[in-house]
Amino acid sequence: MSDDTGGLRFPFQLSQLFTPPPEFRELRESCPVARVDLPTGDWAWLATQYEDVRAVLNDARLSRAATTRPGAPRLGPASPEPDSIMAMDPPDHTRLRRLLASVFTGRQAERMREGIVRTTEELLDVIEESGRPADLVPMLARPLPITVICDLLGVPDADREAFRDWTDAALTLAPSAAGAVTDARTQLAEYLAELVEDKRRKPGGDLLSGLIEAQAQERLSQGELIAVAATLITAGYHTVANSFANSVVALLRHPEQLAPLRGAERFPLAAVEELLRWTPGPVSGGTIRIATEEVKIGSVVVKPGEAVIPSTASANRDSAVFPGADELDLTRPENRHIAFGHGIHRCLGAPLARVELQVAFGALLRRFPELRLAVPEEELVWGGGMIRGVTSLPVTW
C-alpha cells in the first residue's frame, strides 16, 4: 500500500499512563477517520469515534484473514498467524469459535471463581509473608492470569515461566524485533506441539485435551489447535495482567472513589467495567483489518486492499457516548465500553477476565485495607509492546 500524501505516525506516544495521546481527541473532533503511517512503513486508516469503531469491528468486508497474506499492511514486525482464530474470517472463524464458546461462558467463568479465589489468596499469602514493600506485578498481576489460563489448558506448573517470556517477546511492536517475535512464536508452537502429543497419549479434563478430541473428529487441524492454544495463552495472560496492574494504580489515584470499596464483600462489577474502559489497553486500540471491497467509514471511502485500524482506546474516551469520558467514575451506569472488542471477534475470554479482576481487586483490598503506593506515581515503570502497562508496582500497607 502506498500514498503520496503522508500521515500521522502511529501508534501515538503516551506521555502519561492514564492520559490518552492528544491526537485521539483531535482526530475524533476534526478527522474521525484519518490516514496514519505505521512502524512497518505501511499505512492505514485509523477510526477514532465510538460509532465508527463499532462499525469497523462489525463489518464483514473488513477482513482479518486478509492481514495474513504476503505484502498485506502490518502494524507489528511479524504477520498474524493464519491459523489463529484472531486472524480468521467466517466460516473458519465461526467453526473454531463454536468449539470454544462453551468454555468461556459467564456460567463457566463463575464455576472457576472458587479456584481463582484460592489462587489469589495463596499469592496474597506470599506477599504478606514477604513483607513491605511488595511489587504487585511479579507477585500478583502476572502469576494470577498465567495460572488461570494454564490450569484451563492443562499446562504443567513448571512451564509457566517460559510461557510468560515467550508471550512478552511475541507482543512487541518494534520493527527491529521481527526476529525475536518469530523466535518466540516458534518456541511456543514447538512446546505446544509436544504438549499436545503428551495429552494425546494421556488425555485429561482440560481444554487442550478437549481440543485434541475435536481434532480427532476433524473439526480443526493440527495447526489450528496449536494456534488456538497459543492465542488463548497470550490473550488470557497479558491483557488481564496489565489491566489489573494499571487498574490498581487508577484506584489508588482516586482515594475518594476507592474508600467505599475497601470493605465491600464483593468488588462491584460496575467498577470493573469502568476500569476496563478508562485504563490503557492495546497501544493501537484494535487489530488491523483489510478491506476486501469498497467500504465507506464516516466520510472516507476505503478501497480494496487498504488497511483500517479501529481504535477502541479512542472510542472508550469518546465524550459523545461517555459523559465526562476522561474522568474515572466507578459508579458509571450503562457502560457500553468496547475494551473487549465488538462483533464476531469480541474477546471470548471476557467473562473469565471479569471474574479474575473482580476477585483480585476485592481480595487485595480486603487483605490490605491500607494499601498504597510505595513510590511516587511518577516513578512507576511502565511500557510494553502491543499492550501498555506498569511493569513494576511497589506497594505498601
Protein backbone atom coordinates (compact mmCIF):
# COMPACT_ATOMS: atom_id res chain seq x y z
CA MET A 1 0.00 0.00 0.00
CA SER A 2 1.36 3.41 -0.87
CA ASP A 3 0.16 7.00 -0.80
CA ASP A 4 1.91 10.27 -1.55
CA THR A 5 0.02 12.36 1.00
CA GLY A 6 1.68 11.07 4.17
CA GLY A 7 0.03 10.80 7.58
CA LEU A 8 0.47 10.88 11.32
CA ARG A 9 2.90 8.40 12.85
CA PHE A 10 1.04 5.65 14.69
CA PRO A 11 0.90 4.29 17.40
CA PHE A 12 0.83 7.66 19.13
CA GLN A 13 3.14 8.26 22.07
CA LEU A 14 1.73 8.25 25.61
CA SER A 15 3.14 10.89 27.93
CA GLN A 16 1.20 9.71 30.98
CA LEU A 17 -0.31 6.33 31.74
CA PHE A 18 -3.95 7.42 32.05
CA THR A 19 -3.91 10.39 29.68
CA PRO A 20 -4.64 9.28 26.11
CA PRO A 21 -2.48 10.76 23.36
CA PRO A 22 -3.99 14.16 22.42
CA GLU A 23 -4.16 13.03 18.80
CA PHE A 24 -7.15 10.81 19.60
CA ARG A 25 -9.29 13.73 20.79
CA GLU A 26 -8.12 15.95 17.94
CA LEU A 27 -8.98 13.31 15.35
CA ARG A 28 -12.37 12.49 16.89
CA GLU A 29 -13.29 16.17 16.64
CA SER A 30 -11.76 17.08 13.27
CA CYS A 31 -10.90 13.96 11.24
CA PRO A 32 -12.54 10.82 12.71
CA VAL A 33 -11.09 8.53 10.02
CA ALA A 34 -7.52 9.58 9.31
CA ARG A 35 -4.54 8.20 7.45
CA VAL A 36 -1.67 7.11 9.72
CA ASP A 37 1.83 5.79 8.99
CA LEU A 38 2.84 2.58 10.76
CA PRO A 39 6.24 1.48 12.17
CA THR A 40 6.49 -1.11 9.39
CA GLY A 41 6.43 1.55 6.65
CA ASP A 42 2.84 0.67 5.73
CA TRP A 43 -0.13 2.99 6.27
CA ALA A 44 -3.71 2.55 7.40
CA TRP A 45 -6.95 4.37 8.03
CA LEU A 46 -7.45 4.99 11.77
CA ALA A 47 -11.04 5.11 13.07
CA THR A 48 -11.32 7.04 16.35
CA GLN A 49 -15.01 7.74 17.06
CA TYR A 50 -17.02 5.18 19.02
CA GLU A 51 -19.72 4.53 16.40
CA ASP A 52 -17.18 4.25 13.56
CA VAL A 53 -15.03 1.85 15.58
CA ARG A 54 -18.02 -0.39 16.34
CA ALA A 55 -18.99 -0.33 12.66
CA VAL A 56 -15.48 -1.36 11.59
CA LEU A 57 -15.39 -4.19 14.12
CA ASN A 58 -18.74 -5.46 12.85
CA ASP A 59 -18.16 -5.16 9.07
CA ALA A 60 -17.53 -8.44 7.24
CA ARG A 61 -15.96 -6.52 4.33
CA LEU A 62 -13.06 -5.61 6.61
CA SER A 63 -11.11 -8.84 6.83
CA ARG A 64 -8.77 -10.19 9.48
CA ALA A 65 -7.76 -13.16 7.29
CA ALA A 66 -6.51 -10.80 4.58
CA THR A 67 -3.89 -9.45 7.00
CA THR A 68 -2.02 -12.76 6.81
CA ARG A 69 -1.43 -12.55 3.06
CA PRO A 70 2.03 -11.68 1.69
CA GLY A 71 2.51 -7.94 1.34
CA ALA A 72 -0.51 -7.05 3.45
CA PRO A 73 -0.12 -3.87 5.57
CA ARG A 74 1.11 -4.68 9.08
CA LEU A 75 1.26 -2.79 12.36
CA GLY A 76 3.83 -5.06 14.02
CA PRO A 77 7.07 -6.67 12.79
CA ALA A 78 5.51 -10.09 12.11
CA SER A 79 2.43 -11.09 10.14
CA PRO A 80 -0.54 -12.60 12.04
CA GLU A 81 -0.65 -16.39 12.20
CA PRO A 82 -3.08 -17.68 9.52
CA ASP A 83 -4.28 -20.49 11.84
CA SER A 84 -5.08 -18.11 14.69
CA ILE A 85 -8.76 -17.57 15.40
CA MET A 86 -7.98 -13.86 15.70
CA ALA A 87 -6.84 -13.81 12.07
CA MET A 88 -9.76 -15.74 10.58
CA ASP A 89 -12.98 -14.80 8.82
CA PRO A 90 -16.14 -16.92 8.63
CA PRO A 91 -16.69 -19.77 8.08
CA ASP A 92 -13.38 -20.89 9.66
CA HIS A 93 -13.71 -18.35 12.46
CA THR A 94 -17.28 -19.48 13.16
CA ARG A 95 -16.22 -23.14 13.32
CA LEU A 96 -13.42 -22.53 15.83
CA ARG A 97 -15.38 -20.06 17.94
CA ARG A 98 -18.17 -22.62 18.35
CA LEU A 99 -15.62 -25.13 19.64
CA LEU A 100 -14.50 -22.68 22.33
CA ALA A 101 -17.73 -20.86 23.15
CA SER A 102 -18.99 -23.32 25.77
CA VAL A 103 -15.75 -22.98 27.77
CA PHE A 104 -15.89 -19.19 28.00
CA THR A 105 -19.48 -18.52 29.05
CA GLY A 106 -20.37 -16.42 32.07
CA ARG A 107 -21.66 -19.55 33.79
CA GLN A 108 -18.38 -21.40 33.23
CA ALA A 109 -16.41 -18.40 34.48
CA GLU A 110 -18.48 -18.44 37.67
CA ARG A 111 -17.68 -22.14 38.10
CA MET A 112 -14.00 -21.17 38.03
CA ARG A 113 -14.42 -18.41 40.62
CA GLU A 114 -13.63 -20.64 43.59
CA GLY A 115 -10.32 -21.75 42.07
CA ILE A 116 -9.45 -18.17 41.18
CA VAL A 117 -10.17 -17.09 44.75
CA ARG A 118 -7.93 -19.85 46.07
CA THR A 119 -5.04 -18.93 43.75
CA THR A 120 -5.40 -15.25 44.59
CA GLU A 121 -5.36 -15.87 48.33
CA GLU A 122 -2.27 -18.06 48.01
CA LEU A 123 -0.48 -15.28 46.12
CA LEU A 124 -1.55 -12.74 48.74
CA ASP A 125 -0.21 -15.05 51.47
CA VAL A 126 3.21 -14.91 49.83
CA ILE A 127 3.01 -11.12 49.53
CA GLU A 128 2.08 -10.75 53.19
CA GLU A 129 4.82 -13.12 54.33
CA SER A 130 7.42 -11.35 52.17
CA GLY A 131 6.74 -8.06 53.89
CA ARG A 132 6.64 -4.46 52.76
CA PRO A 133 7.12 -3.14 50.16
CA ALA A 134 5.89 -5.67 47.61
CA ASP A 135 5.87 -5.45 43.83
CA LEU A 136 2.38 -6.44 42.69
CA VAL A 137 3.38 -7.04 39.06
CA PRO A 138 5.56 -10.16 39.53
CA MET A 139 3.79 -11.22 42.74
CA LEU A 140 0.12 -10.97 41.69
CA ALA A 141 -0.69 -9.28 38.37
CA ARG A 142 1.29 -11.76 36.27
CA PRO A 143 1.10 -15.06 38.17
CA LEU A 144 -2.68 -14.97 38.65
CA PRO A 145 -3.80 -14.90 34.99
CA ILE A 146 -1.00 -17.17 33.79
CA THR A 147 -2.02 -19.71 36.46
CA VAL A 148 -5.70 -19.48 35.50
CA ILE A 149 -5.16 -19.88 31.76
CA CYS A 150 -2.55 -22.62 32.17
CA ASP A 151 -4.86 -24.52 34.53
CA LEU A 152 -7.63 -24.21 31.96
CA LEU A 153 -5.42 -25.51 29.16
CA GLY A 154 -3.63 -28.13 31.29
CA VAL A 155 -0.11 -26.66 31.12
CA PRO A 156 2.27 -28.01 33.82
CA ASP A 157 3.28 -25.58 36.59
CA ALA A 158 6.97 -25.85 35.74
CA ASP A 159 6.46 -24.44 32.23
CA ARG A 160 4.58 -21.27 33.12
CA GLU A 161 7.65 -19.07 33.43
CA ALA A 162 8.66 -19.92 29.86
CA PHE A 163 5.15 -19.05 28.67
CA ARG A 164 5.48 -15.62 30.22
CA ASP A 165 8.78 -14.94 28.45
CA TRP A 166 7.51 -16.13 25.07
CA THR A 167 4.35 -14.02 25.20
CA ASP A 168 6.28 -10.95 26.37
CA ALA A 169 8.54 -11.25 23.33
CA ALA A 170 5.73 -12.06 20.89
CA LEU A 171 3.81 -8.85 21.61
CA THR A 172 6.50 -6.28 20.80
CA LEU A 173 5.85 -3.70 18.08
CA ALA A 174 9.47 -2.65 17.48
CA PRO A 175 10.37 -3.19 13.80
CA SER A 176 13.85 -4.35 14.84
CA ALA A 177 12.33 -7.16 16.90
CA ALA A 178 10.93 -9.18 14.00
CA GLY A 179 13.43 -11.99 14.62
CA ALA A 180 12.69 -12.12 18.36
CA VAL A 181 8.94 -12.19 17.70
CA THR A 182 9.30 -15.04 15.23
CA ASP A 183 11.60 -16.98 17.57
CA ALA A 184 9.18 -16.59 20.48
CA ARG A 185 6.24 -17.75 18.38
CA THR A 186 8.24 -20.72 17.13
CA GLN A 187 9.32 -21.78 20.63
CA LEU A 188 5.77 -21.51 21.92
CA ALA A 189 4.39 -23.52 18.98
CA GLU A 190 7.06 -26.22 19.36
CA TYR A 191 6.36 -26.54 23.07
CA LEU A 192 2.60 -26.74 22.48
CA ALA A 193 3.09 -29.40 19.80
CA GLU A 194 4.99 -31.53 22.34
CA LEU A 195 2.33 -30.91 24.99
CA VAL A 196 -0.39 -31.93 22.54
CA GLU A 197 1.39 -35.23 21.88
CA ASP A 198 1.70 -35.85 25.63
CA LYS A 199 -2.00 -35.22 26.11
CA ARG A 200 -2.90 -37.31 23.11
CA ARG A 201 -1.32 -40.24 24.96
CA LYS A 202 -2.69 -39.22 28.37
CA PRO A 203 -5.75 -37.00 27.96
CA GLY A 204 -7.16 -35.10 30.93
CA GLY A 205 -10.16 -32.93 31.68
CA ASP A 206 -8.55 -29.72 30.44
CA LEU A 207 -9.37 -27.58 27.42
CA LEU A 208 -6.37 -28.72 25.40
CA SER A 209 -7.43 -32.36 25.76
CA GLY A 210 -10.89 -31.36 24.56
CA LEU A 211 -9.42 -29.63 21.53
CA ILE A 212 -7.37 -32.74 20.74
CA GLU A 213 -10.58 -34.76 20.78
CA ALA A 214 -12.17 -32.24 18.41
CA GLN A 215 -9.16 -32.56 16.12
CA ALA A 216 -9.62 -36.33 16.07
CA GLN A 217 -13.16 -35.66 14.83
CA GLU A 218 -11.64 -33.46 12.08
CA ARG A 219 -13.25 -30.31 13.47
CA LEU A 220 -9.91 -28.46 13.45
CA SER A 221 -6.43 -29.03 12.06
CA GLN A 222 -3.19 -29.54 13.99
CA GLY A 223 -2.06 -26.04 13.04
CA GLU A 224 -5.35 -24.55 14.23
CA LEU A 225 -5.13 -26.47 17.50
CA ILE A 226 -1.65 -25.10 18.24
CA ALA A 227 -2.62 -21.57 17.18
CA VAL A 228 -5.77 -21.57 19.33
CA ALA A 229 -3.81 -22.66 22.39
CA ALA A 230 -1.12 -20.02 21.77
CA THR A 231 -3.73 -17.30 21.27
CA LEU A 232 -5.56 -18.21 24.47
CA ILE A 233 -2.34 -18.13 26.47
CA THR A 234 -1.25 -14.79 25.05
CA ALA A 235 -4.64 -13.11 25.34
CA GLY A 236 -5.59 -14.67 28.65
CA TYR A 237 -2.34 -13.68 30.33
CA HIS A 238 -1.12 -10.34 29.04
CA THR A 239 -4.39 -8.46 28.86
CA VAL A 240 -5.52 -9.40 32.36
CA ALA A 241 -2.08 -8.84 33.92
CA ASN A 242 -1.77 -5.33 32.50
CA SER A 243 -5.39 -4.44 33.17
CA PHE A 244 -5.06 -5.45 36.82
CA ALA A 245 -1.81 -3.58 37.45
CA ASN A 246 -2.97 -0.44 35.65
CA SER A 247 -6.29 -0.54 37.49
CA VAL A 248 -4.66 -0.76 40.91
CA VAL A 249 -2.78 2.45 40.11
CA ALA A 250 -6.03 4.04 38.95
CA LEU A 251 -7.82 3.03 42.15
CA LEU A 252 -5.06 4.37 44.38
CA ARG A 253 -5.06 7.62 42.41
CA HIS A 254 -8.77 8.10 43.28
CA PRO A 255 -8.97 7.54 47.06
CA GLU A 256 -12.38 9.21 47.34
CA GLN A 257 -13.88 6.59 44.99
CA LEU A 258 -11.86 3.74 46.42
CA ALA A 259 -12.77 4.37 50.07
CA PRO A 260 -16.29 2.85 49.95
CA LEU A 261 -14.99 -0.21 48.09
CA ARG A 262 -12.26 -1.23 50.52
CA GLY A 263 -14.57 -3.19 52.78
CA ALA A 264 -17.00 -4.45 50.14
CA GLU A 265 -17.88 -8.14 50.33
CA ARG A 266 -17.54 -8.33 46.55
CA PHE A 267 -15.84 -5.75 44.39
CA PRO A 268 -18.59 -4.12 42.25
CA LEU A 269 -18.81 -5.27 38.67
CA ALA A 270 -19.65 -1.70 37.59
CA ALA A 271 -16.27 -0.61 38.92
CA VAL A 272 -14.54 -3.39 36.95
CA GLU A 273 -16.26 -2.24 33.76
CA GLU A 274 -15.22 1.38 34.30
CA LEU A 275 -11.63 0.40 34.98
CA LEU A 276 -11.62 -1.59 31.75
CA ARG A 277 -12.90 1.46 29.88
CA TRP A 278 -10.60 4.02 31.48
CA THR A 279 -7.27 2.26 31.87
CA PRO A 280 -4.84 1.72 28.97
CA GLY A 281 -5.23 -1.32 26.76
CA PRO A 282 -3.58 -2.17 23.43
CA VAL A 283 -1.39 0.66 22.15
CA SER A 284 -3.20 0.65 18.81
CA GLY A 285 -6.57 0.03 20.44
CA GLY A 286 -7.57 -2.52 17.83
CA THR A 287 -6.31 -5.15 15.41
CA ILE A 288 -5.70 -4.16 11.80
CA ARG A 289 -8.16 -5.17 9.09
CA ILE A 290 -8.01 -5.15 5.28
CA ALA A 291 -10.88 -4.08 3.04
CA THR A 292 -11.95 -6.80 0.61
CA GLU A 293 -14.27 -4.41 -1.21
CA GLU A 294 -15.04 -0.71 -1.14
CA VAL A 295 -16.25 0.40 2.30
CA LYS A 296 -17.39 3.81 3.48
CA ILE A 297 -16.43 4.70 7.06
CA GLY A 298 -17.77 8.06 8.06
CA SER A 299 -16.88 10.32 5.12
CA VAL A 300 -13.90 8.20 3.98
CA VAL A 301 -14.12 5.63 1.22
CA VAL A 302 -11.74 2.74 1.93
CA LYS A 303 -10.61 0.94 -1.21
CA PRO A 304 -9.99 -2.81 -1.52
CA GLY A 305 -6.59 -3.74 -0.12
CA GLU A 306 -6.37 -0.74 2.19
CA ALA A 307 -5.98 -1.25 5.93
CA VAL A 308 -8.18 0.02 8.75
CA ILE A 309 -7.38 0.17 12.47
CA PRO A 310 -10.40 0.56 14.78
CA SER A 311 -9.09 2.24 17.94
CA THR A 312 -11.04 1.00 20.92
CA ALA A 313 -8.66 3.07 23.08
CA SER A 314 -10.01 6.23 21.43
CA ALA A 315 -13.61 5.01 21.27
CA ASN A 316 -13.69 4.37 25.00
CA ARG A 317 -12.87 8.06 25.60
CA ASP A 318 -15.50 9.40 23.19
CA SER A 319 -17.50 12.01 25.12
CA ALA A 320 -20.41 11.62 22.71
CA VAL A 321 -21.02 8.22 24.30
CA PHE A 322 -19.41 8.55 27.75
CA PRO A 323 -20.22 11.82 29.58
CA GLY A 324 -17.06 13.05 31.28
CA ALA A 325 -15.18 10.42 29.27
CA ASP A 326 -11.75 11.39 30.58
CA GLU A 327 -12.91 11.09 34.20
CA LEU A 328 -12.90 7.81 36.11
CA ASP A 329 -16.38 7.11 37.55
CA LEU A 330 -16.55 3.74 39.31
CA THR A 331 -20.34 4.02 39.52
CA ARG A 332 -20.83 4.89 35.83
CA PRO A 333 -24.18 3.48 34.65
CA GLU A 334 -24.81 1.85 31.26
CA ASN A 335 -21.13 1.50 30.47
CA ARG A 336 -21.01 0.45 26.81
CA HIS A 337 -17.22 0.27 26.62
CA ILE A 338 -15.61 -1.87 23.94
CA ALA A 339 -12.40 -2.81 25.76
CA PHE A 340 -13.17 -6.42 24.80
CA GLY A 341 -13.92 -5.51 21.19
CA HIS A 342 -17.19 -5.93 19.33
CA GLY A 343 -18.68 -8.18 16.69
CA ILE A 344 -17.53 -11.68 15.83
CA HIS A 345 -14.03 -11.10 17.19
CA ARG A 346 -15.22 -9.85 20.58
CA CYS A 347 -12.94 -11.36 23.24
CA LEU A 348 -14.04 -14.91 24.08
CA GLY A 349 -12.42 -14.70 27.48
CA ALA A 350 -14.27 -11.55 28.60
CA PRO A 351 -16.41 -13.35 31.24
CA LEU A 352 -13.34 -15.06 32.70
CA ALA A 353 -11.31 -11.82 32.71
CA ARG A 354 -14.12 -10.04 34.57
CA VAL A 355 -14.18 -12.71 37.28
CA GLU A 356 -10.39 -12.66 37.64
CA LEU A 357 -10.30 -8.88 38.00
CA GLN A 358 -13.27 -8.75 40.37
CA VAL A 359 -11.76 -11.43 42.61
CA ALA A 360 -8.27 -9.93 42.56
CA PHE A 361 -9.36 -6.35 43.33
CA GLY A 362 -11.64 -7.46 46.15
CA ALA A 363 -9.17 -9.85 47.75
CA LEU A 364 -6.30 -7.36 47.56
CA LEU A 365 -8.30 -4.58 49.24
CA ARG A 366 -9.67 -6.86 51.96
CA ARG A 367 -6.25 -8.26 52.78
CA PHE A 368 -4.53 -4.85 52.71
CA PRO A 369 -7.14 -2.19 53.53
CA GLU A 370 -4.41 0.45 53.88
CA LEU A 371 -2.84 -0.39 50.53
CA ARG A 372 -0.92 2.49 48.95
CA LEU A 373 1.93 3.08 46.52
CA ALA A 374 5.41 2.64 47.98
CA VAL A 375 6.90 5.12 45.49
CA PRO A 376 5.63 8.35 43.94
CA GLU A 377 3.41 7.60 40.94
CA GLU A 378 5.80 9.41 38.59
CA GLU A 379 8.49 6.87 39.45
CA LEU A 380 6.44 3.88 38.30
CA VAL A 381 7.95 1.97 35.41
CA TRP A 382 5.59 1.36 32.52
CA GLY A 383 5.99 0.27 28.95
CA GLY A 384 5.23 -2.80 26.92
CA GLY A 385 4.65 -3.72 23.30
CA MET A 386 1.13 -4.05 21.94
CA ILE A 387 -0.37 -3.75 25.43
CA ARG A 388 0.77 -0.91 27.70
CA GLY A 389 1.07 -1.30 31.44
CA VAL A 390 3.14 -0.67 34.52
CA THR A 391 5.99 -3.17 34.63
CA SER A 392 6.71 -2.62 38.31
CA LEU A 393 4.19 -1.69 41.02
CA PRO A 394 5.73 -1.36 44.50
CA VAL A 395 3.07 -1.05 47.23
CA THR A 396 2.96 -0.96 50.99
CA TRP A 397 0.18 -1.17 53.57
